[in-house]
Amino acid sequence: IRVTLAAAGALLALTACSAGGSGGAGAEPSAPAGAEPV
């Protein structure tokens, strides 16, 4: 259980940090590949 919880926490942290262009609050303020220009 401890390993599973640690892995889940690491996955959440990576997801938050890898958002790159994310403007927070669930918004995606930057242009993903193939999208309209920023």
Full PDB file with SEQRES, HELIX, SHEET, SSBOND, CRYST1, ORIGX, SCALE, CONECT and MASTER records, all heavy atoms in Angstrom:
SEQRES   1 A   38  ILE ARG VAL THR LEU ALA ALA ALA GLY ALA LEU LEU ALA          
SEQRES   2 A   38  LEU THR ALA CYS SER ALA GLY GLY SER GLY GLY ALA GLY          
SEQRES   3 A   38  ALA GLU PRO SER ALA PRO ALA GLY ALA GLU PRO VAL              
HELIX    1 AA1 ARG A    2  CYS A   17  1                                  16    
CRYST1    1.000    1.000    1.000  90.00  90.00  90.00 P 1           1          
ORIGX1      1.000000  0.000000  0.000000        0.00000                         
ORIGX2      0.000000  1.000000  0.000000        0.00000                         
ORIGX3      0.000000  0.000000  1.000000        0.00000                         
SCALE1      1.000000  0.000000  0.000000        0.00000                         
SCALE2      0.000000  1.000000  0.000000        0.00000                         
SCALE3      0.000000  0.000000  1.000000        0.00000                         
ATOM      1  N   ILE A   1       0.837  -1.195   0.000  1.00  0.00           N  
ATOM      2  CA  ILE A   1       0.000   0.000   0.000  1.00  0.00           C  
ATOM      3  C   ILE A   1       0.878   1.254   0.000  1.00  0.00           C  
ATOM      4  O   ILE A   1       0.620   2.196  -0.737  1.00  0.00           O  
ATOM      5  CB  ILE A   1      -0.952   0.006   1.213  1.00  0.00           C  
ATOM      6  CG1 ILE A   1      -1.980  -1.117   1.056  1.00  0.00           C  
ATOM      7  CG2 ILE A   1      -1.649   1.345   1.358  1.00  0.00           C  
ATOM      8  CD1 ILE A   1      -2.837  -1.324   2.272  1.00  0.00           C  
ATOM      9  N   ARG A   2       1.938   1.233   0.810  1.00  0.00           N  
ATOM     10  CA  ARG A   2       2.836   2.389   0.883  1.00  0.00           C  
ATOM     11  C   ARG A   2       3.482   2.650  -0.483  1.00  0.00           C  
ATOM     12  O   ARG A   2       3.564   3.780  -0.939  1.00  0.00           O  
ATOM     13  CB  ARG A   2       3.909   2.147   1.943  1.00  0.00           C  
ATOM     14  CG  ARG A   2       4.758   3.381   2.178  1.00  0.00           C  
ATOM     15  CD  ARG A   2       5.762   3.195   3.284  1.00  0.00           C  
ATOM     16  NE  ARG A   2       5.120   2.764   4.507  1.00  0.00           N  
ATOM     17  CZ  ARG A   2       5.690   2.017   5.433  1.00  0.00           C  
ATOM     18  NH1 ARG A   2       6.937   1.610   5.266  1.00  0.00           N  
ATOM     19  NH2 ARG A   2       5.049   1.654   6.523  1.00  0.00           N  
ATOM     20  N   VAL A   3       3.930   1.605  -1.183  1.00  0.00           N  
ATOM     21  CA  VAL A   3       4.541   1.754  -2.498  1.00  0.00           C  
ATOM     22  C   VAL A   3       3.516   2.277  -3.498  1.00  0.00           C  
ATOM     23  O   VAL A   3       3.798   3.161  -4.301  1.00  0.00           O  
ATOM     24  CB  VAL A   3       5.156   0.415  -2.972  1.00  0.00           C  
ATOM     25  CG1 VAL A   3       5.588   0.500  -4.421  1.00  0.00           C  
ATOM     26  CG2 VAL A   3       6.314   0.029  -2.072  1.00  0.00           C  
ATOM     27  N   THR A   4       2.293   1.752  -3.460  1.00  0.00           N  
ATOM     28  CA  THR A   4       1.243   2.197  -4.366  1.00  0.00           C  
ATOM     29  C   THR A   4       0.922   3.669  -4.133  1.00  0.00           C  
ATOM     30  O   THR A   4       0.782   4.435  -5.081  1.00  0.00           O  
ATOM     31  CB  THR A   4      -0.026   1.339  -4.181  1.00  0.00           C  
ATOM     32  OG1 THR A   4       0.317  -0.024  -4.429  1.00  0.00           O  
ATOM     33  CG2 THR A   4      -1.124   1.770  -5.135  1.00  0.00           C  
ATOM     34  N   LEU A   5       0.801   4.085  -2.864  1.00  0.00           N  
ATOM     35  CA  LEU A   5       0.522   5.489  -2.558  1.00  0.00           C  
ATOM     36  C   LEU A   5       1.665   6.380  -3.006  1.00  0.00           C  
ATOM     37  O   LEU A   5       1.440   7.467  -3.542  1.00  0.00           O  
ATOM     38  CB  LEU A   5       0.258   5.677  -1.068  1.00  0.00           C  
ATOM     39  CG  LEU A   5      -1.059   5.100  -0.544  1.00  0.00           C  
ATOM     40  CD1 LEU A   5      -1.143   5.242   0.961  1.00  0.00           C  
ATOM     41  CD2 LEU A   5      -2.239   5.773  -1.213  1.00  0.00           C  
ATOM     42  N   ALA A   6       2.896   5.957  -2.805  1.00  0.00           N  
ATOM     43  CA  ALA A   6       4.045   6.742  -3.238  1.00  0.00           C  
ATOM     44  C   ALA A   6       4.057   6.875  -4.764  1.00  0.00           C  
ATOM     45  O   ALA A   6       4.329   7.947  -5.298  1.00  0.00           O  
ATOM     46  CB  ALA A   6       5.346   6.110  -2.756  1.00  0.00           C  
ATOM     47  N   ALA A   7       3.750   5.799  -5.471  1.00  0.00           N  
ATOM     48  CA  ALA A   7       3.714   5.843  -6.930  1.00  0.00           C  
ATOM     49  C   ALA A   7       2.601   6.763  -7.423  1.00  0.00           C  
ATOM     50  O   ALA A   7       2.786   7.537  -8.363  1.00  0.00           O  
ATOM     51  CB  ALA A   7       3.526   4.437  -7.502  1.00  0.00           C  
ATOM     52  N   ALA A   8       1.451   6.707  -6.773  1.00  0.00           N  
ATOM     53  CA  ALA A   8       0.336   7.580  -7.151  1.00  0.00           C  
ATOM     54  C   ALA A   8       0.698   9.041  -6.926  1.00  0.00           C  
ATOM     55  O   ALA A   8       0.415   9.905  -7.765  1.00  0.00           O  
ATOM     56  CB  ALA A   8      -0.922   7.215  -6.371  1.00  0.00           C  
ATOM     57  N   GLY A   9       1.349   9.341  -5.819  1.00  0.00           N  
ATOM     58  CA  GLY A   9       1.776  10.711  -5.534  1.00  0.00           C  
ATOM     59  C   GLY A   9       2.788  11.204  -6.549  1.00  0.00           C  
ATOM     60  O   GLY A   9       2.721  12.339  -7.021  1.00  0.00           O  
ATOM     61  N   ALA A  10       3.735  10.354  -6.920  1.00  0.00           N  
ATOM     62  CA  ALA A  10       4.741  10.727  -7.913  1.00  0.00           C  
ATOM     63  C   ALA A  10       4.093  10.983  -9.274  1.00  0.00           C  
ATOM     64  O   ALA A  10       4.445  11.927  -9.973  1.00  0.00           O  
ATOM     65  CB  ALA A  10       5.799   9.642  -8.022  1.00  0.00           C  
ATOM     66  N   LEU A  11       3.117  10.147  -9.634  1.00  0.00           N  
ATOM     67  CA  LEU A  11       2.413  10.327 -10.898  1.00  0.00           C  
ATOM     68  C   LEU A  11       1.662  11.646 -10.920  1.00  0.00           C  
ATOM     69  O   LEU A  11       1.704  12.382 -11.904  1.00  0.00           O  
ATOM     70  CB  LEU A  11       1.453   9.157 -11.137  1.00  0.00           C  
ATOM     71  CG  LEU A  11       0.659   9.213 -12.445  1.00  0.00           C  
ATOM     72  CD1 LEU A  11       1.624   9.239 -13.631  1.00  0.00           C  
ATOM     73  CD2 LEU A  11      -0.264   8.033 -12.547  1.00  0.00           C  
ATOM     74  N   LEU A  12       1.005  11.998  -9.828  1.00  0.00           N  
ATOM     75  CA  LEU A  12       0.303  13.281  -9.750  1.00  0.00           C  
ATOM     76  C   LEU A  12       1.277  14.443  -9.868  1.00  0.00           C  
ATOM     77  O   LEU A  12       1.013  15.424 -10.555  1.00  0.00           O  
ATOM     78  CB  LEU A  12      -0.491  13.398  -8.445  1.00  0.00           C  
ATOM     79  CG  LEU A  12      -1.772  12.580  -8.375  1.00  0.00           C  
ATOM     80  CD1 LEU A  12      -2.363  12.645  -6.977  1.00  0.00           C  
ATOM     81  CD2 LEU A  12      -2.769  13.060  -9.407  1.00  0.00           C  
ATOM     82  N   ALA A  13       2.404  14.362  -9.211  1.00  0.00           N  
ATOM     83  CA  ALA A  13       3.408  15.427  -9.280  1.00  0.00           C  
ATOM     84  C   ALA A  13       3.944  15.579 -10.693  1.00  0.00           C  
ATOM     85  O   ALA A  13       4.090  16.686 -11.196  1.00  0.00           O  
ATOM     86  CB  ALA A  13       4.552  15.152  -8.306  1.00  0.00           C  
ATOM     87  N   LEU A  14       4.239  14.456 -11.361  1.00  0.00           N  
ATOM     88  CA  LEU A  14       4.727  14.516 -12.730  1.00  0.00           C  
ATOM     89  C   LEU A  14       3.684  15.086 -13.667  1.00  0.00           C  
ATOM     90  O   LEU A  14       3.991  15.876 -14.559  1.00  0.00           O  
ATOM     91  CB  LEU A  14       5.141  13.118 -13.211  1.00  0.00           C  
ATOM     92  CG  LEU A  14       6.453  12.592 -12.659  1.00  0.00           C  
ATOM     93  CD1 LEU A  14       6.652  11.152 -13.084  1.00  0.00           C  
ATOM     94  CD2 LEU A  14       7.605  13.455 -13.113  1.00  0.00           C  
ATOM     95  N   THR A  15       2.440  14.711 -13.473  1.00  0.00           N  
ATOM     96  CA  THR A  15       1.364  15.224 -14.308  1.00  0.00           C  
ATOM     97  C   THR A  15       1.256  16.732 -14.153  1.00  0.00           C  
ATOM     98  O   THR A  15       1.143  17.457 -15.124  1.00  0.00           O  
ATOM     99  CB  THR A  15       0.018  14.551 -13.944  1.00  0.00           C  
ATOM    100  OG1 THR A  15       0.171  13.151 -14.117  1.00  0.00           O  
ATOM    101  CG2 THR A  15      -1.098  15.070 -14.815  1.00  0.00           C  
ATOM    102  N   ALA A  16       1.317  17.235 -12.930  1.00  0.00           N  
ATOM    103  CA  ALA A  16       1.216  18.677 -12.687  1.00  0.00           C  
ATOM    104  C   ALA A  16       2.388  19.419 -13.289  1.00  0.00           C  
ATOM    105  O   ALA A  16       2.227  20.481 -13.874  1.00  0.00           O  
ATOM    106  CB  ALA A  16       1.131  18.956 -11.185  1.00  0.00           C  
ATOM    107  N   CYS A  17       3.591  18.870 -13.174  1.00  0.00           N  
ATOM    108  CA  CYS A  17       4.777  19.558 -13.666  1.00  0.00           C  
ATOM    109  C   CYS A  17       4.938  19.445 -15.168  1.00  0.00           C  
ATOM    110  O   CYS A  17       5.523  20.295 -15.794  1.00  0.00           O  
ATOM    111  CB  CYS A  17       6.041  19.025 -12.991  1.00  0.00           C  
ATOM    112  SG  CYS A  17       6.112  19.474 -11.255  1.00  0.00           S  
ATOM    113  N   SER A  18       4.422  18.386 -15.775  1.00  0.00           N  
ATOM    114  CA  SER A  18       4.614  18.206 -17.207  1.00  0.00           C  
ATOM    115  C   SER A  18       3.581  18.953 -18.024  1.00  0.00           C  
ATOM    116  O   SER A  18       3.650  18.964 -19.233  1.00  0.00           O  
ATOM    117  CB  SER A  18       4.559  16.719 -17.560  1.00  0.00           C  
ATOM    118  OG  SER A  18       3.261  16.213 -17.365  1.00  0.00           O  
ATOM    119  N   ALA A  19       2.653  19.638 -17.366  1.00  0.00           N  
ATOM    120  CA  ALA A  19       1.630  20.364 -18.104  1.00  0.00           C  
ATOM    121  C   ALA A  19       2.224  21.490 -18.931  1.00  0.00           C  
ATOM    122  O   ALA A  19       1.617  21.947 -19.872  1.00  0.00           O  
ATOM    123  CB  ALA A  19       0.576  20.915 -17.139  1.00  0.00           C  
ATOM    124  N   GLY A  20       3.443  21.953 -18.579  1.00  0.00           N  
ATOM    125  CA  GLY A  20       4.149  22.945 -19.378  1.00  0.00           C  
ATOM    126  C   GLY A  20       3.337  24.182 -19.635  1.00  0.00           C  
ATOM    127  O   GLY A  20       3.503  25.163 -18.986  1.00  0.00           O  
ATOM    128  N   GLY A  21       2.435  24.147 -20.591  1.00  0.00           N  
ATOM    129  CA  GLY A  21       1.675  25.323 -20.954  1.00  0.00           C  
ATOM    130  C   GLY A  21       0.426  25.500 -20.159  1.00  0.00           C  
ATOM    131  O   GLY A  21      -0.346  26.401 -20.432  1.00  0.00           O  
ATOM    132  N   SER A  22       0.165  24.687 -19.197  1.00  0.00           N  
ATOM    133  CA  SER A  22      -1.077  24.803 -18.456  1.00  0.00           C  
ATOM    134  C   SER A  22      -1.101  26.061 -17.636  1.00  0.00           C  
ATOM    135  O   SER A  22      -0.160  26.415 -16.983  1.00  0.00           O  
ATOM    136  CB  SER A  22      -1.236  23.596 -17.526  1.00  0.00           C  
ATOM    137  OG  SER A  22      -2.363  23.760 -16.723  1.00  0.00           O  
ATOM    138  N   GLY A  23      -2.198  26.747 -17.681  1.00  0.00           N  
ATOM    139  CA  GLY A  23      -2.341  27.983 -16.937  1.00  0.00           C  
ATOM    140  C   GLY A  23      -3.034  27.780 -15.629  1.00  0.00           C  
ATOM    141  O   GLY A  23      -3.479  28.743 -15.018  1.00  0.00           O  
ATOM    142  N   GLY A  24      -3.169  26.574 -15.161  1.00  0.00           N  
ATOM    143  CA  GLY A  24      -3.820  26.316 -13.887  1.00  0.00           C  
ATOM    144  C   GLY A  24      -5.321  26.298 -14.055  1.00  0.00           C  
ATOM    145  O   GLY A  24      -5.876  26.584 -15.097  1.00  0.00           O  
ATOM    146  N   ALA A  25      -6.012  25.963 -12.996  1.00  0.00           N  
ATOM    147  CA  ALA A  25      -7.469  25.930 -12.947  1.00  0.00           C  
ATOM    148  C   ALA A  25      -8.054  25.130 -14.109  1.00  0.00           C  
ATOM    149  O   ALA A  25      -9.109  25.439 -14.616  1.00  0.00           O  
ATOM    150  CB  ALA A  25      -8.042  27.348 -12.935  1.00  0.00           C  
ATOM    151  N   GLY A  26      -7.314  24.106 -14.559  1.00  0.00           N  
ATOM    152  CA  GLY A  26      -7.819  23.233 -15.606  1.00  0.00           C  
ATOM    153  C   GLY A  26      -7.743  23.824 -17.002  1.00  0.00           C  
ATOM    154  O   GLY A  26      -8.134  23.200 -17.953  1.00  0.00           O  
ATOM    155  N   ALA A  27      -7.260  25.047 -17.128  1.00  0.00           N  
ATOM    156  CA  ALA A  27      -7.189  25.700 -18.430  1.00  0.00           C  
ATOM    157  C   ALA A  27      -5.928  25.270 -19.164  1.00  0.00           C  
ATOM    158  O   ALA A  27      -4.942  24.929 -18.549  1.00  0.00           O  
ATOM    159  CB  ALA A  27      -7.187  27.214 -18.249  1.00  0.00           C  
ATOM    160  N   GLU A  28      -5.981  25.303 -20.460  1.00  0.00           N  
ATOM    161  CA  GLU A  28      -4.802  25.032 -21.291  1.00  0.00           C  
ATOM    162  C   GLU A  28      -4.551  26.290 -22.115  1.00  0.00           C  
ATOM    163  O   GLU A  28      -5.056  26.438 -23.220  1.00  0.00           O  
ATOM    164  CB  GLU A  28      -5.062  23.820 -22.199  1.00  0.00           C  
ATOM    165  CG  GLU A  28      -3.906  23.443 -23.085  1.00  0.00           C  
ATOM    166  CD  GLU A  28      -2.656  23.047 -22.338  1.00  0.00           C  
ATOM    167  OE1 GLU A  28      -2.748  22.429 -21.271  1.00  0.00           O  
ATOM    168  OE2 GLU A  28      -1.563  23.357 -22.825  1.00  0.00           O  
ATOM    169  N   PRO A  29      -3.788  27.256 -21.566  1.00  0.00           N  
ATOM    170  CA  PRO A  29      -3.634  28.533 -22.236  1.00  0.00           C  
ATOM    171  C   PRO A  29      -2.696  28.519 -23.427  1.00  0.00           C  
ATOM    172  O   PRO A  29      -2.702  29.438 -24.204  1.00  0.00           O  
ATOM    173  CB  PRO A  29      -3.076  29.439 -21.138  1.00  0.00           C  
ATOM    174  CG  PRO A  29      -2.358  28.512 -20.237  1.00  0.00           C  
ATOM    175  CD  PRO A  29      -3.142  27.232 -20.283  1.00  0.00           C  
ATOM    176  N   SER A  30      -1.867  27.513 -23.580  1.00  0.00           N  
ATOM    177  CA  SER A  30      -0.909  27.470 -24.677  1.00  0.00           C  
ATOM    178  C   SER A  30      -1.394  26.558 -25.780  1.00  0.00           C  
ATOM    179  O   SER A  30      -2.281  25.753 -25.595  1.00  0.00           O  
ATOM    180  CB  SER A  30       0.443  26.984 -24.162  1.00  0.00           C  
ATOM    181  OG  SER A  30       0.897  27.829 -23.146  1.00  0.00           O  
ATOM    182  N   ALA A  31      -0.752  26.693 -26.923  1.00  0.00           N  
ATOM    183  CA  ALA A  31      -1.175  25.938 -28.091  1.00  0.00           C  
ATOM    184  C   ALA A  31      -0.588  24.540 -28.098  1.00  0.00           C  
ATOM    185  O   ALA A  31       0.615  24.378 -28.148  1.00  0.00           O  
ATOM    186  CB  ALA A  31      -0.746  26.663 -29.356  1.00  0.00           C  
ATOM    187  N   PRO A  32      -1.429  23.504 -28.038  1.00  0.00           N  
ATOM    188  CA  PRO A  32      -0.919  22.157 -28.223  1.00  0.00           C  
ATOM    189  C   PRO A  32      -0.594  21.943 -29.703  1.00  0.00           C  
ATOM    190  O   PRO A  32      -1.003  22.721 -30.546  1.00  0.00           O  
ATOM    191  CB  PRO A  32      -2.081  21.265 -27.763  1.00  0.00           C  
ATOM    192  CG  PRO A  32      -3.286  22.123 -27.865  1.00  0.00           C  
ATOM    193  CD  PRO A  32      -2.837  23.541 -27.715  1.00  0.00           C  
ATOM    194  N   ALA A  33       0.139  20.875 -29.993  1.00  0.00           N  
ATOM    195  CA  ALA A  33       0.548  20.590 -31.365  1.00  0.00           C  
ATOM    196  C   ALA A  33      -0.646  20.613 -32.303  1.00  0.00           C  
ATOM    197  O   ALA A  33      -1.695  20.047 -32.014  1.00  0.00           O  
ATOM    198  CB  ALA A  33       1.244  19.235 -31.422  1.00  0.00           C  
ATOM    199  N   GLY A  34      -0.494  21.304 -33.436  1.00  0.00           N  
ATOM    200  CA  GLY A  34      -1.545  21.352 -34.443  1.00  0.00           C  
ATOM    201  C   GLY A  34      -2.655  22.333 -34.133  1.00  0.00           C  
ATOM    202  O   GLY A  34      -3.604  22.438 -34.889  1.00  0.00           O  
ATOM    203  N   ALA A  35      -2.554  23.077 -33.058  1.00  0.00           N  
ATOM    204  CA  ALA A  35      -3.604  24.012 -32.672  1.00  0.00           C  
ATOM    205  C   ALA A  35      -3.364  25.372 -33.313  1.00  0.00           C  
ATOM    206  O   ALA A  35      -2.348  25.618 -33.950  1.00  0.00           O  
ATOM    207  CB  ALA A  35      -3.644  24.149 -31.159  1.00  0.00           C  
ATOM    208  N   GLU A  36      -4.321  26.249 -33.107  1.00  0.00           N  
ATOM    209  CA  GLU A  36      -4.190  27.632 -33.570  1.00  0.00           C  
ATOM    210  C   GLU A  36      -2.962  28.271 -32.927  1.00  0.00           C  
ATOM    211  O   GLU A  36      -2.557  27.878 -31.835  1.00  0.00           O  
ATOM    212  CB  GLU A  36      -5.450  28.412 -33.178  1.00  0.00           C  
ATOM    213  CG  GLU A  36      -6.698  27.964 -33.894  1.00  0.00           C  
ATOM    214  CD  GLU A  36      -6.637  28.219 -35.391  1.00  0.00           C  
ATOM    215  OE1 GLU A  36      -6.195  29.312 -35.800  1.00  0.00           O  
ATOM    216  OE2 GLU A  36      -7.025  27.318 -36.137  1.00  0.00           O  
ATOM    217  N   PRO A  37      -2.402  29.286 -33.577  1.00  0.00           N  
ATOM    218  CA  PRO A  37      -1.246  29.979 -32.987  1.00  0.00           C  
ATOM    219  C   PRO A  37      -1.591  30.606 -31.632  1.00  0.00           C  
ATOM    220  O   PRO A  37      -2.733  30.962 -31.378  1.00  0.00           O  
ATOM    221  CB  PRO A  37      -0.927  31.067 -34.011  1.00  0.00           C  
ATOM    222  CG  PRO A  37      -1.549  30.605 -35.281  1.00  0.00           C  
ATOM    223  CD  PRO A  37      -2.742  29.797 -34.886  1.00  0.00           C  
ATOM    224  N   VAL A  38      -0.588  30.733 -30.794  1.00  0.00           N  
ATOM    225  CA  VAL A  38      -0.721  31.403 -29.506  1.00  0.00           C  
ATOM    226  C   VAL A  38      -0.752  32.898 -29.790  1.00  0.00           C  
ATOM    227  O   VAL A  38       0.045  33.399 -30.580  1.00  0.00           O  
ATOM    228  CB  VAL A  38       0.492  31.061 -28.603  1.00  0.00           C  
ATOM    229  CG1 VAL A  38       0.475  31.868 -27.336  1.00  0.00           C  
ATOM    230  CG2 VAL A  38       0.522  29.585 -28.301  1.00  0.00           C  
TER     231      VAL A  38                                                      
MASTER        0    0    0    1    0    0    0    6  230    1    0    3          
END                                                                             
